Amino acid sequence: MESIKIRPATTSDIPIIRQLASTIFPATYKEILTPKQIDYMMDWMYSEKSLIKRMVDLNHKYYLPFVNDNPAGYLSIHQEGPDLFHLEKIYVLIDYQHTKLGKALFLHVKEMIHSFHPEPCKMELNVNRNNKALGFYQHMGMKIARQGDFPIGNGYYMNDYIMSIDLE
């Protein structure tokens, strides 16, 4: 793997996040979701308005990894409770999958959480029950805590496992 730098994203990075998402999200879910649901979810999660709301109003922390100064993915986390954090998004471009970039991002998230919450806590994430990333999360130490079908509007559901890891 070449030089990796991970930096916090701001609202001025929204065009970069949207560009990355327009490539990564459809490729990730093309065999799981219908094209209409992908379009709906892209607008729901990655419109400029939605990203501003998540970053500013909901205090989601976004980070951008760069490989040799090229944006290679994105992640976001937010605090859901006193000792609970949610890894909302962790995506890398297909060219960087299986290069240890995902592992570097996952470890970065754990370090970031520990930096502003040094006490023991828990990190959770949602993953589609048919997503091949499930094995990656298990490899990183996460366990399936529960599952659910979560309505997201327009008659669509996220059929997810909620995975969890204790952070010491």
C-alpha atoms as a PDB file:
ATOM      1  CA  MET A   1       0.000   0.000   0.000  1.00  0.00           C
ATOM      2  CA  GLU A   2       1.249   3.417  -0.852  1.00  0.00           C
ATOM      3  CA  SER A   3       1.138   6.495   1.393  1.00  0.00           C
ATOM      4  CA  ILE A   4      -2.162   6.766   3.312  1.00  0.00           C
ATOM      5  CA  LYS A   5      -3.353   9.959   4.965  1.00  0.00           C
ATOM      6  CA  ILE A   6      -6.685  10.234   6.747  1.00  0.00           C
ATOM      7  CA  ARG A   7      -8.077  13.649   7.549  1.00  0.00           C
ATOM      8  CA  PRO A   8     -11.314  15.037   8.946  1.00  0.00           C
ATOM      9  CA  ALA A   9     -13.792  16.147   6.297  1.00  0.00           C
ATOM     10  CA  THR A  10     -15.699  19.421   6.434  1.00  0.00           C
ATOM     11  CA  THR A  11     -18.697  20.722   4.551  1.00  0.00           C
ATOM     12  CA  SER A  12     -16.283  22.008   1.889  1.00  0.00           C
ATOM     13  CA  ASP A  13     -15.467  18.325   1.192  1.00  0.00           C
ATOM     14  CA  ILE A  14     -19.068  17.437   0.371  1.00  0.00           C
ATOM     15  CA  PRO A  15     -18.389  17.404  -3.407  1.00  0.00           C
ATOM     16  CA  ILE A  16     -15.583  14.866  -2.838  1.00  0.00           C
ATOM     17  CA  ILE A  17     -17.805  12.675  -0.639  1.00  0.00           C
ATOM     18  CA  ARG A  18     -20.633  12.848  -3.182  1.00  0.00           C
ATOM     19  CA  GLN A  19     -18.296  11.920  -6.039  1.00  0.00           C
ATOM     20  CA  LEU A  20     -16.877   8.975  -4.107  1.00  0.00           C
ATOM     21  CA  ALA A  21     -20.359   7.831  -3.049  1.00  0.00           C
ATOM     22  CA  SER A  22     -21.651   8.007  -6.631  1.00  0.00           C
ATOM     23  CA  THR A  23     -19.019   5.416  -7.570  1.00  0.00           C
ATOM     24  CA  ILE A  24     -18.785   3.279  -4.434  1.00  0.00           C
ATOM     25  CA  PHE A  25     -22.388   2.994  -3.211  1.00  0.00           C
ATOM     26  CA  PRO A  26     -24.012   1.686  -6.436  1.00  0.00           C
ATOM     27  CA  ALA A  27     -21.140  -0.775  -7.001  1.00  0.00           C
ATOM     28  CA  THR A  28     -21.449  -2.055  -3.430  1.00  0.00           C
ATOM     29  CA  TYR A  29     -25.201  -2.634  -3.564  1.00  0.00           C
ATOM     30  CA  LYS A  30     -25.923  -3.428  -7.234  1.00  0.00           C
ATOM     31  CA  GLU A  31     -26.477  -7.134  -6.487  1.00  0.00           C
ATOM     32  CA  ILE A  32     -28.437  -6.517  -3.282  1.00  0.00           C
ATOM     33  CA  LEU A  33     -30.767  -3.571  -3.988  1.00  0.00           C
ATOM     34  CA  THR A  34     -32.863  -2.507  -6.960  1.00  0.00           C
ATOM     35  CA  PRO A  35     -31.630   0.431  -9.052  1.00  0.00           C
ATOM     36  CA  LYS A  36     -34.609   2.471  -7.782  1.00  0.00           C
ATOM     37  CA  GLN A  37     -33.717   1.808  -4.148  1.00  0.00           C
ATOM     38  CA  ILE A  38     -30.078   2.703  -4.819  1.00  0.00           C
ATOM     39  CA  ASP A  39     -31.206   6.004  -6.384  1.00  0.00           C
ATOM     40  CA  TYR A  40     -33.501   6.692  -3.422  1.00  0.00           C
ATOM     41  CA  MET A  41     -30.780   5.927  -0.883  1.00  0.00           C
ATOM     42  CA  MET A  42     -28.200   8.009  -2.754  1.00  0.00           C
ATOM     43  CA  ASP A  43     -30.502  11.019  -2.499  1.00  0.00           C
ATOM     44  CA  TRP A  44     -31.480  10.201   1.094  1.00  0.00           C
ATOM     45  CA  MET A  45     -27.886   9.874   2.327  1.00  0.00           C
ATOM     46  CA  TYR A  46     -25.693  11.758  -0.137  1.00  0.00           C
ATOM     47  CA  SER A  47     -27.571  14.799  -1.354  1.00  0.00           C
ATOM     48  CA  GLU A  48     -25.789  18.016  -0.433  1.00  0.00           C
ATOM     49  CA  LYS A  49     -28.645  18.902   1.929  1.00  0.00           C
ATOM     50  CA  SER A  50     -28.485  15.511   3.663  1.00  0.00           C
ATOM     51  CA  LEU A  51     -24.710  15.646   4.118  1.00  0.00           C
ATOM     52  CA  ILE A  52     -24.857  19.186   5.523  1.00  0.00           C
ATOM     53  CA  LYS A  53     -27.577  18.106   7.961  1.00  0.00           C
ATOM     54  CA  ARG A  54     -25.553  15.090   9.078  1.00  0.00           C
ATOM     55  CA  MET A  55     -22.329  17.075   9.486  1.00  0.00           C
ATOM     56  CA  VAL A  56     -23.715  20.268  11.006  1.00  0.00           C
ATOM     57  CA  ASP A  57     -27.012  19.463  12.727  1.00  0.00           C
ATOM     58  CA  LEU A  58     -26.453  15.817  13.711  1.00  0.00           C
ATOM     59  CA  ASN A  59     -22.719  16.143  14.466  1.00  0.00           C
ATOM     60  CA  HIS A  60     -21.603  13.202  12.323  1.00  0.00           C
ATOM     61  CA  LYS A  61     -17.817  13.183  11.957  1.00  0.00           C
ATOM     62  CA  TYR A  62     -16.635  12.414   8.420  1.00  0.00           C
ATOM     63  CA  TYR A  63     -13.115  11.406   7.443  1.00  0.00           C
ATOM     64  CA  LEU A  64     -11.463  11.068   4.061  1.00  0.00           C
ATOM     65  CA  PRO A  65      -8.589   8.690   3.349  1.00  0.00           C
ATOM     66  CA  PHE A  66      -6.129   9.687   0.655  1.00  0.00           C
ATOM     67  CA  VAL A  67      -3.781   7.264  -1.062  1.00  0.00           C
ATOM     68  CA  ASN A  68      -0.916   9.120  -2.718  1.00  0.00           C
ATOM     69  CA  ASP A  69      -2.978  12.316  -2.361  1.00  0.00           C
ATOM     70  CA  ASN A  70      -6.005  10.808  -4.172  1.00  0.00           C
ATOM     71  CA  PRO A  71      -9.318  10.444  -2.296  1.00  0.00           C
ATOM     72  CA  ALA A  72      -9.912   6.724  -1.827  1.00  0.00           C
ATOM     73  CA  GLY A  73     -13.053   6.456   0.324  1.00  0.00           C
ATOM     74  CA  TYR A  74     -14.921   7.967   3.242  1.00  0.00           C
ATOM     75  CA  LEU A  75     -16.223   7.126   6.672  1.00  0.00           C
ATOM     76  CA  SER A  76     -18.459   8.715   9.254  1.00  0.00           C
ATOM     77  CA  ILE A  77     -19.159   8.158  12.922  1.00  0.00           C
ATOM     78  CA  HIS A  78     -21.369   9.739  15.524  1.00  0.00           C
ATOM     79  CA  GLN A  79     -22.062   9.349  19.205  1.00  0.00           C
ATOM     80  CA  GLU A  80     -25.468   7.785  19.906  1.00  0.00           C
ATOM     81  CA  GLY A  81     -25.268   7.641  23.674  1.00  0.00           C
ATOM     82  CA  PRO A  82     -22.919   8.237  26.601  1.00  0.00           C
ATOM     83  CA  ASP A  83     -20.904   5.091  25.820  1.00  0.00           C
ATOM     84  CA  LEU A  84     -22.165   4.198  22.340  1.00  0.00           C
ATOM     85  CA  PHE A  85     -20.782   5.225  18.952  1.00  0.00           C
ATOM     86  CA  HIS A  86     -22.148   4.320  15.550  1.00  0.00           C
ATOM     87  CA  LEU A  87     -19.928   3.759  12.536  1.00  0.00           C
ATOM     88  CA  GLU A  88     -22.334   5.120   9.934  1.00  0.00           C
ATOM     89  CA  LYS A  89     -20.240   4.681   6.825  1.00  0.00           C
ATOM     90  CA  ILE A  90     -16.955   3.068   5.890  1.00  0.00           C
ATOM     91  CA  TYR A  91     -16.430   2.745   2.154  1.00  0.00           C
ATOM     92  CA  VAL A  92     -13.373   2.477  -0.078  1.00  0.00           C
ATOM     93  CA  LEU A  93     -13.087   2.627  -3.844  1.00  0.00           C
ATOM     94  CA  ILE A  94     -13.011  -0.806  -5.448  1.00  0.00           C
ATOM     95  CA  ASP A  95      -9.386  -0.309  -6.549  1.00  0.00           C
ATOM     96  CA  TYR A  96      -8.378  -0.042  -2.877  1.00  0.00           C
ATOM     97  CA  GLN A  97     -10.383  -2.966  -1.542  1.00  0.00           C
ATOM     98  CA  HIS A  98      -8.175  -5.840  -0.326  1.00  0.00           C
ATOM     99  CA  THR A  99      -5.213  -3.459   0.119  1.00  0.00           C
ATOM    100  CA  LYS A 100      -5.563  -3.009   3.907  1.00  0.00           C
ATOM    101  CA  LEU A 101      -7.065   0.469   3.479  1.00  0.00           C
ATOM    102  CA  GLY A 102     -10.335  -0.715   5.055  1.00  0.00           C
ATOM    103  CA  LYS A 103      -8.392  -2.054   8.035  1.00  0.00           C
ATOM    104  CA  ALA A 104      -6.517   1.255   8.336  1.00  0.00           C
ATOM    105  CA  LEU A 105      -9.841   3.138   8.330  1.00  0.00           C
ATOM    106  CA  PHE A 106     -11.382   0.805  10.895  1.00  0.00           C
ATOM    107  CA  LEU A 107      -8.398   1.209  13.226  1.00  0.00           C
ATOM    108  CA  HIS A 108      -8.504   4.981  12.666  1.00  0.00           C
ATOM    109  CA  VAL A 109     -12.147   5.061  13.778  1.00  0.00           C
ATOM    110  CA  LYS A 110     -11.278   3.177  16.950  1.00  0.00           C
ATOM    111  CA  GLU A 111      -8.444   5.635  17.668  1.00  0.00           C
ATOM    112  CA  MET A 112     -10.692   8.646  17.005  1.00  0.00           C
ATOM    113  CA  ILE A 113     -13.362   7.351  19.359  1.00  0.00           C
ATOM    114  CA  HIS A 114     -10.752   6.677  22.044  1.00  0.00           C
ATOM    115  CA  SER A 115      -9.320  10.198  21.615  1.00  0.00           C
ATOM    116  CA  PHE A 116     -12.601  11.873  22.571  1.00  0.00           C
ATOM    117  CA  HIS A 117     -13.966   9.077  24.787  1.00  0.00           C
ATOM    118  CA  PRO A 118     -11.097   7.348  26.632  1.00  0.00           C
ATOM    119  CA  GLU A 119     -13.447   5.309  28.836  1.00  0.00           C
ATOM    120  CA  PRO A 120     -14.608   1.853  27.710  1.00  0.00           C
ATOM    121  CA  CYS A 121     -17.459   2.080  25.226  1.00  0.00           C
ATOM    122  CA  LYS A 122     -19.134   0.258  22.380  1.00  0.00           C
ATOM    123  CA  MET A 123     -19.107   0.843  18.638  1.00  0.00           C
ATOM    124  CA  GLU A 124     -21.907  -0.447  16.447  1.00  0.00           C
ATOM    125  CA  LEU A 125     -22.613  -0.451  12.745  1.00  0.00           C
ATOM    126  CA  ASN A 126     -25.374  -1.583  10.435  1.00  0.00           C
ATOM    127  CA  VAL A 127     -24.467  -3.893   7.554  1.00  0.00           C
ATOM    128  CA  ASN A 128     -26.833  -5.346   4.988  1.00  0.00           C
ATOM    129  CA  ARG A 129     -27.329  -9.030   5.754  1.00  0.00           C
ATOM    130  CA  ASN A 130     -26.213  -9.904   2.196  1.00  0.00           C
ATOM    131  CA  ASN A 131     -23.198  -7.577   2.051  1.00  0.00           C
ATOM    132  CA  LYS A 132     -19.852  -9.309   1.544  1.00  0.00           C
ATOM    133  CA  ALA A 133     -18.283  -6.768   3.948  1.00  0.00           C
ATOM    134  CA  LEU A 134     -19.809  -8.815   6.777  1.00  0.00           C
ATOM    135  CA  GLY A 135     -16.709 -11.048   6.789  1.00  0.00           C
ATOM    136  CA  PHE A 136     -14.421  -8.008   7.003  1.00  0.00           C
ATOM    137  CA  TYR A 137     -16.236  -6.696  10.073  1.00  0.00           C
ATOM    138  CA  GLN A 138     -16.088 -10.105  11.733  1.00  0.00           C
ATOM    139  CA  HIS A 139     -12.361 -10.271  10.951  1.00  0.00           C
ATOM    140  CA  MET A 140     -11.980  -6.873  12.667  1.00  0.00           C
ATOM    141  CA  GLY A 141     -13.553  -8.315  15.835  1.00  0.00           C
ATOM    142  CA  MET A 142     -17.164  -7.231  15.454  1.00  0.00           C
ATOM    143  CA  LYS A 143     -19.981  -9.590  16.420  1.00  0.00           C
ATOM    144  CA  ILE A 144     -23.577  -9.686  15.250  1.00  0.00           C
ATOM    145  CA  ALA A 145     -25.580  -8.225  18.137  1.00  0.00           C
ATOM    146  CA  ARG A 146     -29.032  -8.236  16.527  1.00  0.00           C
ATOM    147  CA  GLN A 147     -30.807  -7.805  13.224  1.00  0.00           C
ATOM    148  CA  GLY A 148     -33.683  -5.773  11.928  1.00  0.00           C
ATOM    149  CA  ASP A 149     -35.598  -4.493   8.946  1.00  0.00           C
ATOM    150  CA  PHE A 150     -35.514  -0.720   9.193  1.00  0.00           C
ATOM    151  CA  PRO A 151     -37.942   1.407   7.153  1.00  0.00           C
ATOM    152  CA  ILE A 152     -36.175   4.263   5.358  1.00  0.00           C
ATOM    153  CA  GLY A 153     -39.097   5.723   3.434  1.00  0.00           C
ATOM    154  CA  ASN A 154     -40.717   5.208   0.032  1.00  0.00           C
ATOM    155  CA  GLY A 155     -41.573   1.634   1.041  1.00  0.00           C
ATOM    156  CA  TYR A 156     -37.888   0.657   1.282  1.00  0.00           C
ATOM    157  CA  TYR A 157     -36.166  -1.141   4.131  1.00  0.00           C
ATOM    158  CA  MET A 158     -32.602  -1.671   5.222  1.00  0.00           C
ATOM    159  CA  ASN A 159     -32.334  -5.385   6.043  1.00  0.00           C
ATOM    160  CA  ASP A 160     -29.364  -5.221   8.363  1.00  0.00           C
ATOM    161  CA  TYR A 161     -27.340  -6.889  11.015  1.00  0.00           C
ATOM    162  CA  ILE A 162     -26.271  -4.552  13.784  1.00  0.00           C
ATOM    163  CA  MET A 163     -22.715  -5.489  14.634  1.00  0.00           C
ATOM    164  CA  SER A 164     -20.913  -4.459  17.786  1.00  0.00           C
ATOM    165  CA  ILE A 165     -17.447  -4.283  19.288  1.00  0.00           C
ATOM    166  CA  ASP A 166     -16.349  -3.258  22.767  1.00  0.00           C
ATOM    167  CA  LEU A 167     -13.669  -0.571  22.780  1.00  0.00           C
ATOM    168  CA  GLU A 168     -11.381  -0.498  25.802  1.00  0.00           C
END
